[in-house]
Amino acid sequence: MNTTLDSGRALALRRLLETGLPLQARPYQALARQIDAEEAQVLAQVELWQDQGLFRRLGLVLNHRALGFTANAMLVLDVPDALIDEVGQRLGSEPAVSLCYQRPRRLPQWRYNLFCMIHGRQRQRVEAQIRDLLERHLLSDLPREVLFSTQAFKQCGGRFAPGAPAHG
């Protein structure tokens, strides 16, 4: 059996992967059926793309609100540029922080360059976690805001394949 996919099937597989894995015991087999290929071909193609750096990782998008996490806050900080990598690494390794990333400032309206997401079930608990993080990491003096989400929108992975559906 040929373990490579032709370009048409490879593109079809990319489009399918961008909408998420099927919730089945053998998701790659289900994908293979959809593009008229073998499961081994799909697995080989995914491995090739990972080796080429097209994929860094495969992940899940959880519906945190359905799991009871309704007190969700984005801590935004104005971190001196010389410290951004160090502070980002420290905060990103904290168990309470589910996402931590740097973004460019948009001066003069938006001065913040480090974003940390903290999910929780109770607002007061999340606020206490943020105070604790700031104190333990000696960041209490930095300009910051805590933005609690008020509405949830659909989350999905990136869309990169030409002709991929806009919503999955």
Protein backbone atom coordinates (compact mmCIF):
# COMPACT_ATOMS: atom_id res chain seq x y z
CA MET A 1 0.00 0.00 0.00
CA ASN A 2 1.18 3.52 -0.82
CA THR A 3 1.57 5.45 2.47
CA THR A 4 1.43 8.92 0.95
CA LEU A 5 -1.64 10.91 0.02
CA ASP A 6 -2.00 12.68 -3.30
CA SER A 7 -2.26 16.47 -3.09
CA GLY A 8 -6.06 16.49 -3.41
CA ARG A 9 -6.57 14.05 -0.55
CA ALA A 10 -3.92 15.83 1.54
CA LEU A 11 -5.76 19.15 1.13
CA ALA A 12 -9.07 17.48 1.96
CA LEU A 13 -7.47 16.02 5.10
CA ARG A 14 -6.16 19.43 6.15
CA ARG A 15 -9.64 20.91 5.75
CA LEU A 16 -11.13 18.13 7.85
CA LEU A 17 -8.48 18.44 10.56
CA GLU A 18 -9.17 22.16 10.86
CA THR A 19 -12.75 21.39 11.89
CA GLY A 20 -11.54 19.03 14.63
CA LEU A 21 -11.14 15.32 15.11
CA PRO A 22 -14.28 13.20 14.97
CA LEU A 23 -15.39 12.10 18.45
CA GLN A 24 -14.88 8.42 17.74
CA ALA A 25 -12.64 5.67 19.09
CA ARG A 26 -10.58 5.77 15.85
CA PRO A 27 -10.81 9.34 14.55
CA TYR A 28 -8.10 8.92 11.92
CA GLN A 29 -9.90 5.94 10.48
CA ALA A 30 -13.08 8.05 10.23
CA LEU A 31 -11.12 10.81 8.47
CA ALA A 32 -9.61 8.26 6.09
CA ARG A 33 -13.08 7.04 5.10
CA GLN A 34 -14.14 10.63 4.35
CA ILE A 35 -11.27 11.16 1.89
CA ASP A 36 -11.27 7.62 0.45
CA ALA A 37 -7.93 6.68 1.95
CA GLU A 38 -6.49 4.23 4.46
CA GLU A 39 -6.03 5.05 8.13
CA ALA A 40 -2.28 4.36 7.78
CA GLN A 41 -2.09 6.98 5.01
CA VAL A 42 -3.81 9.59 7.19
CA LEU A 43 -1.51 8.83 10.11
CA ALA A 44 1.56 8.98 7.85
CA GLN A 45 0.44 12.33 6.43
CA VAL A 46 -0.16 13.81 9.89
CA GLU A 47 3.27 12.56 11.01
CA LEU A 48 4.89 14.07 7.90
CA TRP A 49 3.24 17.43 8.56
CA GLN A 50 4.41 17.32 12.16
CA ASP A 51 7.97 16.50 11.04
CA GLN A 52 7.79 19.44 8.60
CA GLY A 53 6.65 21.77 11.38
CA LEU A 54 3.15 22.33 9.96
CA PHE A 55 1.70 21.07 13.25
CA ARG A 56 3.25 21.85 16.58
CA ARG A 57 0.62 20.01 18.52
CA LEU A 58 -2.91 18.70 18.44
CA GLY A 59 -5.15 19.96 21.21
CA LEU A 60 -8.62 20.12 22.58
CA VAL A 61 -10.91 23.11 22.94
CA LEU A 62 -12.91 22.56 26.11
CA ASN A 63 -16.18 24.26 26.84
CA HIS A 64 -15.03 25.57 30.22
CA ARG A 65 -18.43 27.14 31.01
CA ALA A 66 -20.13 23.76 30.59
CA LEU A 67 -17.61 22.38 33.10
CA GLY A 68 -18.63 25.03 35.65
CA PHE A 69 -15.83 27.53 35.04
CA THR A 70 -17.85 30.72 34.75
CA ALA A 71 -15.52 33.20 36.52
CA ASN A 72 -12.96 33.64 33.75
CA ALA A 73 -10.53 36.51 33.86
CA MET A 74 -7.85 37.88 31.59
CA LEU A 75 -5.08 39.54 33.60
CA VAL A 76 -3.35 42.05 31.35
CA LEU A 77 -0.05 43.56 32.42
CA ASP A 78 2.29 46.26 31.19
CA VAL A 79 5.61 44.45 31.62
CA PRO A 80 8.90 46.19 30.81
CA ASP A 81 10.18 44.80 27.50
CA ALA A 82 13.44 43.61 29.08
CA LEU A 83 11.47 41.39 31.49
CA ILE A 84 8.68 40.11 29.26
CA ASP A 85 10.22 36.69 28.50
CA GLU A 86 11.11 35.98 32.12
CA VAL A 87 7.77 37.15 33.53
CA GLY A 88 5.84 35.33 30.81
CA GLN A 89 7.69 32.07 31.52
CA ARG A 90 7.08 32.37 35.26
CA LEU A 91 3.38 33.20 34.98
CA GLY A 92 2.83 30.68 32.19
CA SER A 93 4.14 27.90 34.42
CA GLU A 94 1.64 28.67 37.18
CA PRO A 95 -1.10 26.04 37.59
CA ALA A 96 -3.81 28.73 37.83
CA VAL A 97 -2.83 30.23 34.46
CA SER A 98 -4.34 28.38 31.49
CA LEU A 99 -2.96 30.71 28.78
CA CYS A 100 -0.12 33.21 28.87
CA TYR A 101 1.07 35.13 25.84
CA GLN A 102 2.69 38.34 24.70
CA ARG A 103 0.98 40.80 22.39
CA PRO A 104 2.18 44.15 21.07
CA ARG A 105 1.01 47.26 22.84
CA ARG A 106 -1.38 49.51 20.91
CA LEU A 107 -0.38 52.90 22.27
CA PRO A 108 -1.78 55.23 23.32
CA GLN A 109 -5.06 53.32 23.84
CA TRP A 110 -3.70 49.96 25.06
CA ARG A 111 -0.51 49.75 27.10
CA TYR A 112 -0.60 46.05 28.01
CA ASN A 113 1.72 43.45 26.51
CA LEU A 114 1.29 40.30 28.62
CA PHE A 115 -2.01 38.42 28.82
CA CYS A 116 -2.80 35.64 31.34
CA MET A 117 -6.07 33.71 31.40
CA ILE A 118 -7.34 32.32 34.68
CA HIS A 119 -10.46 30.14 34.72
CA GLY A 120 -12.43 29.60 37.90
CA ARG A 121 -15.78 28.75 39.37
CA GLN A 122 -15.99 31.72 41.74
CA ARG A 123 -15.03 35.31 40.97
CA GLN A 124 -13.64 35.93 44.46
CA ARG A 125 -11.39 32.89 44.17
CA VAL A 126 -10.03 34.05 40.81
CA GLU A 127 -9.40 37.54 42.22
CA ALA A 128 -7.52 35.97 45.15
CA GLN A 129 -5.44 33.83 42.76
CA ILE A 130 -4.51 36.94 40.77
CA ARG A 131 -3.50 38.85 43.93
CA ASP A 132 -1.40 35.84 44.99
CA LEU A 133 0.31 35.59 41.58
CA LEU A 134 1.13 39.30 41.57
CA GLU A 135 2.52 39.22 45.10
CA ARG A 136 4.58 36.02 44.73
CA HIS A 137 6.09 37.19 41.45
CA LEU A 138 6.69 40.74 42.71
CA LEU A 139 4.45 42.21 40.01
CA SER A 140 1.99 44.17 42.19
CA ASP A 141 3.46 47.51 41.12
CA LEU A 142 2.96 46.91 37.39
CA PRO A 143 0.09 48.62 35.58
CA ARG A 144 -2.61 46.03 35.00
CA GLU A 145 -6.27 45.32 34.52
CA VAL A 146 -8.38 42.27 35.26
CA LEU A 147 -11.04 41.68 32.61
CA PHE A 148 -13.75 39.15 33.47
CA SER A 149 -15.56 37.62 30.53
CA THR A 150 -19.25 38.34 30.31
CA GLN A 151 -20.14 36.26 27.27
CA ALA A 152 -18.76 33.12 25.65
CA PHE A 153 -18.26 32.85 21.92
CA LYS A 154 -17.52 29.75 19.89
CA GLN A 155 -13.91 28.66 20.03
CA CYS A 156 -12.21 26.77 17.25
CA GLY A 157 -8.75 26.13 15.93
CA GLY A 158 -7.00 28.08 13.20
CA ARG A 159 -8.11 27.85 9.59
CA PHE A 160 -5.28 27.65 7.07
CA ALA A 161 -6.29 25.31 4.27
CA PRO A 162 -7.63 27.05 1.17
CA GLY A 163 -11.38 26.71 1.02
CA ALA A 164 -11.67 25.54 4.63
CA PRO A 165 -15.03 26.23 6.21
CA ALA A 166 -15.15 29.40 8.30
CA HIS A 167 -17.02 27.65 11.13
CA GLY A 168 -16.44 24.12 12.37
